């Protein structure tokens, strides 16, 4: 009775067909070179466990060593039988190698067919006779027909039917669906999909034509990032008319030509020169300076720390919405602060990745030193992993060199004087190029222009 298993480990997975072996010639599972199921991992013992057949059923036994053997999450302390679908873990943790018993269901299907054949042979079921309708029980005391559920396999349904039907009847559980019915169902699905697409397109067009006005609760001020240009202009015009300063009706260019009065351009120019810029309602300065600055500084304390790229996008959005804002210099300082945070955050990411790859290299070197008796293929695999980790570490070192950061430790963000010296030693041209790329990407998508460290 061969057994099919799927072996999974850090380097990949494969399906293995295991021949039937007695207890005195078991199949050895481990990292040793002579193991029938060899695991390329130093976490596994040379002989972790064995598999064999006893009384026609496969069994497993832990032989000691390694981090222990587990079947379906339970520690294996003694010999036990295996069942279809069991998962054998060679160690603890999610990274431990595993062996899945009968992963493709080959043995289960064969057992189901065998059980169905045996149940039919011993039940006295006779074949249908001419003139009789299929799918019907014969005899006066016919038992109820078993109803197959969706979760049961064909073998389970057939066996249940064979056990309950008795010796006087037969039952055909399934009828084939005609090809015409299948084609009609497919056509109906296609028609429904086309109708759905047309409805979505129609609704989207209506939405574009009729855009509802923003629903702002009474007494609640708009956020500085939500206020549109037209809303600000209407608010300014309403304030100007109420205070007697300016309104559209007072604009000389809007006077009816039939009642036009010759205007004095000199007086208009003089008025324009002497007008206080803060009184011009057509300016797009946005909310009062103190309130806007307080909201921007609050944004710097929240998103500016947790997500500086998103904060830059919000700053630039405010600058676009308020082109004549008196907070231009404050916005420049906030953007500069966010870019500086991204610079040091990038340095910390590269340092963490460099140290992580160095730890992996050290572990592989230790494994190689302890695996001199391992197979050549296993040693080659470890050597390839070490080369990959070395290349990734070198990439992090090169990126840090481009940022002129040569210190072995992460920047001391809480130490103000040391950070000031690091900023002063930073290459101005490289930081300027870094700022340009970061602001351009943040304005567009609120993200950074680089991928996570390798």
Protein backbone atom coordinates (compact mmCIF):
# COMPACT_ATOMS: atom_id res chain seq x y z
CA UNK A 1 0.00 0.00 0.00
CA UNK A 2 2.11 2.96 -1.24
CA UNK A 3 1.62 6.37 0.33
CA UNK A 4 1.78 9.76 -1.37
CA UNK A 5 3.00 12.75 0.68
CA UNK A 6 3.87 16.39 -0.02
CA UNK A 7 7.08 17.70 1.57
CA UNK A 8 7.24 21.45 2.27
CA UNK A 9 10.32 23.33 3.53
CA UNK A 10 11.98 26.73 3.20
CA UNK A 11 13.51 25.87 -0.19
CA UNK A 12 10.33 24.61 -1.89
CA UNK A 13 7.94 21.66 -1.97
CA UNK A 14 7.49 18.38 -3.85
CA UNK A 15 5.21 15.33 -3.93
CA UNK A 16 6.82 12.00 -3.02
CA UNK A 17 5.46 8.45 -3.50
CA UNK A 18 6.59 6.29 -0.57
CA UNK A 19 6.77 2.49 -1.05
CA UNK A 20 5.29 0.19 1.55
CA UNK A 21 7.89 -0.65 4.24
CA UNK A 22 7.61 -2.92 7.31
CA UNK A 23 8.64 -1.88 10.80
CA UNK A 24 12.10 -3.50 10.48
CA UNK A 25 12.84 -1.53 7.28
CA UNK A 26 11.16 1.84 7.91
CA UNK A 27 11.37 4.99 5.80
CA UNK A 28 13.72 7.45 7.54
CA UNK A 29 12.84 11.16 7.60
CA UNK A 30 15.67 13.60 8.45
CA UNK A 31 18.52 15.67 7.09
CA UNK A 32 21.05 12.81 6.86
CA UNK A 33 22.33 11.94 3.42
CA UNK A 34 21.01 8.36 3.58
CA UNK A 35 17.48 9.37 4.66
CA UNK A 36 14.76 8.26 2.23
CA UNK A 37 12.98 11.62 2.83
CA UNK A 38 15.80 14.15 3.15
CA UNK A 39 14.98 17.59 4.63
CA UNK A 40 17.45 20.41 3.75
CA UNK A 41 17.22 22.20 7.11
CA UNK A 42 19.52 22.37 10.13
CA UNK A 43 16.40 22.53 12.34
CA UNK A 44 15.73 18.85 11.55
CA UNK A 45 17.69 16.01 13.15
CA UNK A 46 19.65 13.57 10.94
CA UNK A 47 16.99 10.93 11.85
CA UNK A 48 13.90 12.81 12.99
CA UNK A 49 11.20 10.16 12.60
CA UNK A 50 10.34 6.97 10.69
CA UNK A 51 7.30 5.79 8.68
CA UNK A 52 6.24 2.14 8.27
CA UNK A 53 3.20 -0.07 7.65
CA UNK A 54 1.70 -2.16 10.46
CA UNK A 55 -1.44 -4.31 10.10
CA UNK A 56 -2.11 -2.72 6.71
CA UNK A 57 -1.98 0.87 7.98
CA UNK A 58 0.76 3.48 7.90
CA UNK A 59 2.26 4.56 11.23
CA UNK A 60 4.81 7.14 12.41
CA UNK A 61 7.31 7.10 15.27
CA UNK A 62 9.62 9.87 16.55
CA UNK A 63 13.20 8.65 17.04
CA UNK A 64 14.45 11.65 19.05
CA UNK A 65 16.59 14.64 18.18
CA UNK A 66 15.70 17.95 16.57
CA UNK A 67 12.90 20.18 17.84
CA UNK A 68 10.36 17.36 18.11
CA UNK A 69 7.75 15.89 15.77
CA UNK A 70 4.10 17.05 15.74
CA UNK A 71 1.03 15.52 14.06
CA UNK A 72 -1.78 18.01 13.50
CA UNK A 73 -0.21 20.28 16.14
CA UNK A 74 0.04 17.53 18.81
CA UNK A 75 3.46 16.42 20.05
CA UNK A 76 4.36 12.88 18.96
CA UNK A 77 5.58 11.02 22.07
CA UNK A 78 4.87 7.47 20.89
CA UNK A 79 4.00 5.51 17.78
CA UNK A 80 0.63 6.38 16.20
CA UNK A 81 -1.31 5.58 13.06
CA UNK A 82 -1.66 8.15 10.28
CA UNK A 83 -4.89 9.26 8.65
CA UNK A 84 -5.56 10.90 5.31
CA UNK A 85 -5.00 14.65 5.52
CA UNK A 86 -2.67 14.52 8.56
CA UNK A 87 0.07 17.18 8.67
CA UNK A 88 3.41 16.18 10.19
CA UNK A 89 5.51 19.14 11.45
CA UNK A 90 9.23 18.55 11.98
CA UNK A 91 9.73 21.17 14.68
CA UNK A 92 7.82 24.12 16.09
CA UNK A 93 6.84 27.43 14.48
CA UNK A 94 5.42 28.39 11.10
CA UNK A 95 8.80 27.91 9.38
CA UNK A 96 9.16 24.25 10.39
CA UNK A 97 9.20 21.72 7.50
CA UNK A 98 5.95 19.77 7.08
CA UNK A 99 4.80 16.51 5.47
CA UNK A 100 1.18 16.30 4.25
CA UNK A 101 -0.32 12.80 4.09
CA UNK A 102 -2.17 12.02 0.83
CA UNK A 103 -2.33 15.71 -0.28
CA UNK A 104 -3.99 14.94 -3.64
CA UNK A 105 -6.58 12.52 -2.25
CA UNK A 106 -5.38 9.57 -4.36
CA UNK A 107 -5.54 7.04 -1.52
CA UNK A 108 -8.85 8.42 -0.25
CA UNK A 109 -10.44 8.07 -3.69
CA UNK A 110 -9.17 4.53 -4.09
CA UNK A 111 -10.48 3.60 -0.64
CA UNK A 112 -13.85 5.19 -1.42
CA UNK A 113 -14.22 3.18 -4.65
CA UNK A 114 -13.18 -0.01 -2.83
CA UNK A 115 -15.66 0.61 -0.02
CA UNK A 116 -18.47 1.33 -2.49
CA UNK A 117 -17.80 -1.84 -4.44
CA UNK A 118 -17.78 -3.92 -1.25
CA UNK A 119 -21.04 -2.38 -0.01
CA UNK A 120 -22.79 -2.99 -3.32
CA UNK A 121 -21.55 -6.60 -3.50
CA UNK A 122 -22.82 -7.43 0.00
CA UNK A 123 -26.17 -5.63 -0.18
CA UNK A 124 -28.02 -7.86 -2.64
CA UNK A 125 -28.76 -4.97 -4.97
CA UNK A 126 -30.07 -6.13 -8.33
CA UNK A 127 -29.72 -4.19 -11.60
CA UNK A 128 -32.76 -2.38 -13.08
CA UNK A 129 -35.13 -4.49 -15.16
CA UNK A 130 -36.57 -3.51 -18.56
CA UNK A 131 -39.55 -1.20 -18.25
CA UNK A 132 -38.62 0.02 -14.79
CA UNK A 133 -37.83 3.69 -14.12
CA UNK A 134 -34.41 4.45 -12.72
CA UNK A 135 -34.02 6.45 -9.53
CA UNK A 136 -36.90 4.46 -7.89
CA UNK A 137 -36.97 1.93 -5.02
CA UNK A 138 -38.50 -1.48 -5.62
CA UNK A 139 -40.39 -3.51 -3.02
CA UNK A 140 -43.12 -2.76 -0.57
CA UNK A 141 -40.92 -1.79 2.37
CA UNK A 142 -38.41 0.39 0.54
CA UNK A 143 -36.34 2.52 2.89
CA UNK A 144 -36.07 6.29 2.32
CA UNK A 145 -33.61 7.43 -0.31
CA UNK A 146 -30.34 8.87 1.04
CA UNK A 147 -29.76 12.46 0.04
CA UNK A 148 -26.09 13.24 -0.71
CA UNK A 149 -24.80 16.46 0.79
CA UNK A 150 -22.36 18.80 -0.95
CA UNK A 151 -19.49 18.10 1.47
CA UNK A 152 -19.60 14.27 1.19
CA UNK A 153 -17.49 12.48 -1.40
CA UNK A 154 -19.01 10.12 -3.98
CA UNK A 155 -17.73 7.10 -2.06
CA UNK A 156 -19.36 8.24 1.19
CA UNK A 157 -22.71 8.74 -0.52
CA UNK A 158 -22.53 5.43 -2.30
CA UNK A 159 -21.58 3.55 0.88
CA UNK A 160 -24.40 5.16 2.86
CA UNK A 161 -26.86 4.23 0.16
CA UNK A 162 -25.58 0.64 0.10
CA UNK A 163 -25.95 0.29 3.88
CA UNK A 164 -29.52 1.61 3.99
CA UNK A 165 -31.16 0.35 0.83
CA UNK A 166 -31.54 -3.32 1.82
CA UNK A 167 -31.64 -6.28 -0.50
CA UNK A 168 -34.68 -5.45 -2.64
CA UNK A 169 -34.00 -2.19 -4.44
CA UNK A 170 -31.59 -0.06 -6.40
CA UNK A 171 -31.11 3.67 -6.72
CA UNK A 172 -29.44 5.83 -9.35
CA UNK A 173 -28.43 8.97 -7.38
CA UNK A 174 -27.44 11.34 -10.19
CA UNK A 175 -28.74 12.30 -13.59
CA UNK A 176 -26.55 14.01 -16.14
CA UNK A 177 -27.33 17.57 -17.12
CA UNK A 178 -27.94 17.95 -20.84
CA UNK A 179 -25.55 20.00 -22.95
CA UNK A 180 -28.37 22.30 -24.01
CA UNK A 181 -29.10 23.20 -20.39
CA UNK A 182 -25.44 24.09 -19.80
CA UNK A 183 -25.31 26.29 -22.92
CA UNK A 184 -28.53 28.07 -21.93
CA UNK A 185 -27.12 28.78 -18.46
CA UNK A 186 -23.90 30.21 -19.90
CA UNK A 187 -25.84 32.46 -22.29
CA UNK A 188 -28.02 33.73 -19.43
CA UNK A 189 -24.95 34.59 -17.37
CA UNK A 190 -23.40 36.51 -20.29
CA UNK A 191 -26.61 38.49 -20.84
CA UNK A 192 -26.81 39.38 -17.14
CA UNK A 193 -23.17 40.51 -17.16
CA UNK A 194 -23.75 42.79 -20.18
CA UNK A 195 -26.86 44.32 -18.59
CA UNK A 196 -24.94 44.94 -15.37
CA UNK A 197 -22.12 46.72 -17.21
CA UNK A 198 -24.60 48.94 -19.06
CA UNK A 199 -26.32 49.89 -15.81
CA UNK A 200 -23.01 50.78 -14.16
CA UNK A 201 -21.98 52.97 -17.12
CA UNK A 202 -25.36 54.72 -17.13
CA UNK A 203 -25.24 55.41 -13.38
CA UNK A 204 -21.70 56.78 -13.60
CA UNK A 205 -22.74 59.22 -16.36
CA UNK A 206 -25.66 60.45 -14.28
CA UNK A 207 -23.34 60.91 -11.32
CA UNK A 208 -20.97 63.06 -13.37
CA UNK A 209 -23.83 65.22 -14.66
CA UNK A 210 -25.40 65.76 -11.25
CA UNK A 211 -22.69 66.15 -8.64
CA UNK A 212 -24.35 66.91 -5.27
CA UNK A 213 -23.11 69.78 -3.16
CA UNK A 214 -21.01 68.83 -0.13
CA UNK A 215 -23.12 68.19 2.96
CA UNK A 216 -21.51 70.20 5.76
CA UNK A 217 -23.37 70.24 9.11
CA UNK A 218 -24.61 73.60 10.34
CA UNK A 219 -22.25 75.44 12.60
CA UNK A 220 -19.26 73.20 11.61
CA UNK A 221 -16.40 74.92 9.81
CA UNK A 222 -14.96 73.29 6.72
CA UNK A 223 -11.55 71.67 6.97
CA UNK A 224 -8.82 73.74 5.33
CA UNK A 225 -8.23 70.89 2.91
CA UNK A 226 -11.91 70.50 1.96
CA UNK A 227 -12.89 74.10 1.13
CA UNK A 228 -13.19 74.75 -2.61
CA UNK A 229 -12.19 77.94 -4.42
CA UNK A 230 -15.82 78.85 -5.25
CA UNK A 231 -16.89 78.42 -1.62
CA UNK A 232 -14.11 80.69 -0.39
CA UNK A 233 -15.01 83.34 -2.99
CA UNK A 234 -18.71 83.22 -2.06
CA UNK A 235 -17.86 83.51 1.64
CA UNK A 236 -15.56 86.45 0.97
CA UNK A 237 -18.14 88.20 -1.20
CA UNK A 238 -20.81 87.75 1.47
CA UNK A 239 -18.56 89.20 4.16
CA UNK A 240 -17.60 92.14 1.94
CA UNK A 241 -21.18 93.04 1.11
CA UNK A 242 -22.23 92.77 4.76
CA UNK A 243 -19.44 95.07 5.89
CA UNK A 244 -20.09 97.55 3.08
CA UNK A 245 -16.65 97.02 1.53
CA UNK A 246 -17.26 95.28 -1.77
CA UNK A 247 -19.83 93.15 -3.50
CA UNK A 248 -20.47 92.01 -7.08
CA UNK A 249 -23.18 94.65 -7.47
CA UNK A 250 -20.62 97.36 -6.69
CA UNK A 251 -18.18 96.17 -9.34
CA UNK A 252 -18.15 98.88 -12.14
CA UNK A 253 -17.69 96.19 -14.75
CA UNK A 254 -21.12 94.71 -13.86
CA UNK A 255 -23.18 97.94 -14.27
CA UNK A 256 -25.86 97.78 -16.93
CA UNK A 257 -24.64 99.55 -20.07
CA UNK A 258 -27.97 101.36 -20.41
CA UNK A 259 -27.42 103.11 -17.10
CA UNK A 260 -23.64 103.31 -17.26
CA UNK A 261 -21.95 106.34 -15.76
CA UNK A 262 -18.57 107.45 -17.06
CA UNK A 263 -15.98 106.29 -14.57
CA UNK A 264 -12.82 107.96 -13.46
CA UNK A 265 -9.99 105.47 -14.13
CA UNK A 266 -7.59 107.57 -12.10
CA UNK A 267 -9.76 107.27 -9.00
CA UNK A 268 -10.07 103.53 -9.52
CA UNK A 269 -6.28 103.17 -9.77
CA UNK A 270 -5.80 105.26 -6.64
CA UNK A 271 -8.33 103.16 -4.77
CA UNK A 272 -6.56 99.98 -5.85
CA UNK A 273 -3.25 101.35 -4.59
CA UNK A 274 -4.58 102.32 -1.17
CA UNK A 275 -6.79 99.26 -0.59
CA UNK A 276 -5.68 97.02 2.24
CA UNK A 277 -4.82 93.60 0.74
CA UNK A 278 -6.43 91.86 3.72
CA UNK A 279 -9.76 93.58 2.87
CA UNK A 280 -9.89 92.21 -0.68
CA UNK A 281 -12.50 89.43 -0.58
CA UNK A 282 -11.33 88.01 -3.90
CA UNK A 283 -8.07 86.79 -2.40
CA UNK A 284 -7.70 83.02 -1.79
CA UNK A 285 -5.95 83.18 1.55
CA UNK A 286 -8.25 80.55 3.05
CA UNK A 287 -9.19 80.46 6.73
CA UNK A 288 -7.74 82.92 9.27
CA UNK A 289 -3.99 82.63 9.59
CA UNK A 290 -3.90 81.48 13.22
CA UNK A 291 -6.55 78.76 12.72
CA UNK A 292 -4.92 77.46 9.53
CA UNK A 293 -1.45 77.43 11.07
CA UNK A 294 -2.76 75.58 14.14
CA UNK A 295 -4.35 72.94 11.90
CA UNK A 296 -1.18 72.56 9.83
CA UNK A 297 0.93 72.15 12.96
CA UNK A 298 -1.48 69.52 14.26
CA UNK A 299 -1.06 67.68 10.97
CA UNK A 300 2.73 67.88 11.44
CA UNK A 301 2.41 66.28 14.89
CA UNK A 302 0.29 63.37 13.60
CA UNK A 303 0.78 62.41 9.93
CA UNK A 304 4.04 64.32 9.82
CA UNK A 305 5.52 61.75 12.21
CA UNK A 306 3.69 58.54 11.26
CA UNK A 307 3.41 59.13 7.48
CA UNK A 308 5.56 62.08 6.34
CA UNK A 309 4.86 61.43 2.63
CA UNK A 310 1.11 61.76 3.18
CA UNK A 311 1.69 64.93 5.19
CA UNK A 312 3.66 66.45 2.29
CA UNK A 313 0.76 65.70 -0.03
CA UNK A 314 -1.63 67.53 2.32
CA UNK A 315 0.71 70.55 2.62
CA UNK A 316 1.00 70.85 -1.15
CA UNK A 317 -2.76 70.45 -1.53
CA UNK A 318 -3.27 73.40 0.84
CA UNK A 319 -0.75 75.42 -1.15
CA UNK A 320 -2.64 74.72 -4.40
CA UNK A 321 -6.01 75.56 -2.86
CA UNK A 322 -4.69 78.82 -1.34
CA UNK A 323 -2.18 80.29 -3.81
CA UNK A 324 -2.07 83.68 -2.02
CA UNK A 325 -1.79 82.27 1.49
CA UNK A 326 0.46 84.14 3.94
CA UNK A 327 1.61 80.74 5.26
CA UNK A 328 3.92 80.02 2.32
CA UNK A 329 7.07 80.10 4.47
CA UNK A 330 5.42 77.98 7.15
CA UNK A 331 4.47 75.40 4.50
CA UNK A 332 8.07 75.35 3.23
CA UNK A 333 9.30 74.65 6.76
CA UNK A 334 6.74 71.86 7.28
CA UNK A 335 7.65 70.22 3.97
CA UNK A 336 11.36 70.47 4.82
CA UNK A 337 10.71 68.87 8.21
CA UNK A 338 8.77 65.98 6.62
CA UNK A 339 11.50 65.39 4.01
CA UNK A 340 14.12 65.34 6.78
CA UNK A 341 12.11 62.70 8.67
CA UNK A 342 11.88 60.55 5.52
CA UNK A 343 15.65 60.85 5.03
CA UNK A 344 16.44 59.48 8.49
CA UNK A 345 13.67 56.90 8.27
CA UNK A 346 15.23 55.62 5.05
CA UNK A 347 18.63 55.42 6.80
CA UNK A 348 17.11 53.38 9.65
CA UNK A 349 15.40 51.00 7.17
CA UNK A 350 18.67 50.34 5.32
CA UNK A 351 20.59 49.79 8.57
CA UNK A 352 18.00 47.30 9.83
CA UNK A 353 18.08 45.43 6.50
CA UNK A 354 21.90 45.36 6.51
CA UNK A 355 22.02 43.90 10.02
CA UNK A 356 19.29 41.38 9.19
CA UNK A 357 21.23 40.06 6.20
CA UNK A 358 24.42 39.86 8.27
CA UNK A 359 22.62 37.73 10.86
CA UNK A 360 21.41 35.41 8.09
CA UNK A 361 24.97 35.11 6.73
CA UNK A 362 26.31 34.24 10.19
CA UNK A 363 23.66 31.56 10.67
CA UNK A 364 24.42 29.99 7.28
CA UNK A 365 28.14 29.93 8.09
CA UNK A 366 27.34 28.12 11.34
CA UNK A 367 25.16 25.61 9.48
CA UNK A 368 27.92 24.94 6.96
CA UNK A 369 30.44 24.34 9.74
CA UNK A 370 28.11 21.83 11.41
CA UNK A 371 27.02 20.04 8.21
CA UNK A 372 30.28 18.65 6.88
CA UNK A 373 28.71 15.18 6.59
CA UNK A 374 25.66 16.48 4.69
CA UNK A 375 25.04 15.80 1.02
CA UNK A 376 26.71 17.89 -1.67
CA UNK A 377 23.33 19.19 -2.87
CA UNK A 378 22.46 20.43 0.61
CA UNK A 379 25.82 22.20 0.99
CA UNK A 380 25.40 23.79 -2.43
CA UNK A 381 21.97 25.10 -1.43
CA UNK A 382 23.37 26.72 1.71
CA UNK A 383 26.20 28.30 -0.28
CA UNK A 384 23.71 29.81 -2.75
CA UNK A 385 21.67 31.24 0.13
CA UNK A 386 24.81 32.82 1.57
CA UNK A 387 25.61 34.46 -1.79
CA UNK A 388 22.08 35.91 -2.01
CA UNK A 389 22.24 37.32 1.50
CA UNK A 390 25.68 38.80 0.81
CA UNK A 391 24.44 40.55 -2.35
CA UNK A 392 21.44 42.01 -0.51
CA UNK A 393 23.61 43.25 2.33
CA UNK A 394 26.03 44.88 -0.14
CA UNK A 395 23.11 46.65 -1.85
CA UNK A 396 22.09 48.18 1.51
CA UNK A 397 25.68 49.30 2.16
CA UNK A 398 25.84 50.98 -1.27
CA UNK A 399 22.56 52.85 -0.70
CA UNK A 400 23.81 54.09 2.68
CA UNK A 401 27.03 55.27 1.04
CA UNK A 402 24.98 57.25 -1.51
CA UNK A 403 23.34 59.00 1.45
CA UNK A 404 26.79 59.72 3.01
CA UNK A 405 25.89 57.73 6.13
CA UNK A 406 28.88 55.70 7.30
CA UNK A 407 28.07 55.21 11.00
CA UNK A 408 27.50 51.65 12.18
CA UNK A 409 24.59 52.59 14.47
CA UNK A 410 21.19 54.13 13.72
CA UNK A 411 20.91 57.94 13.98
CA UNK A 412 20.09 59.13 17.56
CA UNK A 413 16.77 60.82 16.75
CA UNK A 414 16.20 61.85 20.39
CA UNK A 415 19.61 63.54 20.70
CA UNK A 416 19.14 67.06 19.32
CA UNK A 417 22.80 68.21 19.25
CA UNK A 418 24.02 65.02 17.54
CA UNK A 419 21.24 65.16 14.96
CA UNK A 420 22.13 68.80 14.27
CA UNK A 421 25.74 67.75 13.55
CA UNK A 422 24.56 64.93 11.27
CA UNK A 423 22.34 67.34 9.33
CA UNK A 424 25.19 69.82 8.98
CA UNK A 425 27.50 67.09 7.63
CA UNK A 426 24.89 65.92 5.13
CA UNK A 427 25.71 66.54 1.45
CA UNK A 428 23.50 69.46 0.37
CA UNK A 429 23.34 68.45 -3.30
CA UNK A 430 22.31 64.88 -2.55
CA UNK A 431 19.74 65.99 -0.02
CA UNK A 432 18.37 68.50 -2.55
CA UNK A 433 17.97 65.74 -5.15
CA UNK A 434 16.37 63.54 -2.48
CA UNK A 435 13.94 66.37 -1.60
CA UNK A 436 12.94 66.90 -5.24
CA UNK A 437 12.17 63.23 -5.83
CA UNK A 438 10.32 62.81 -2.54
CA UNK A 439 8.12 65.91 -2.95
CA UNK A 440 7.30 65.04 -6.57
CA UNK A 441 6.13 61.54 -5.66
CA UNK A 442 4.35 62.63 -2.47
CA UNK A 443 2.40 65.36 -4.30
CA UNK A 444 1.19 62.79 -6.82
CA UNK A 445 0.41 59.74 -4.67
CA UNK A 446 1.31 60.43 -1.02
CA UNK A 447 4.02 57.74 -1.13
CA UNK A 448 7.83 57.53 -1.29
CA UNK A 449 9.86 56.98 -4.51
CA UNK A 450 11.62 53.80 -3.38
CA UNK A 451 10.84 50.20 -2.63
CA UNK A 452 11.37 48.52 0.76
CA UNK A 453 14.97 47.48 1.47
CA UNK A 454 16.03 44.20 -0.18
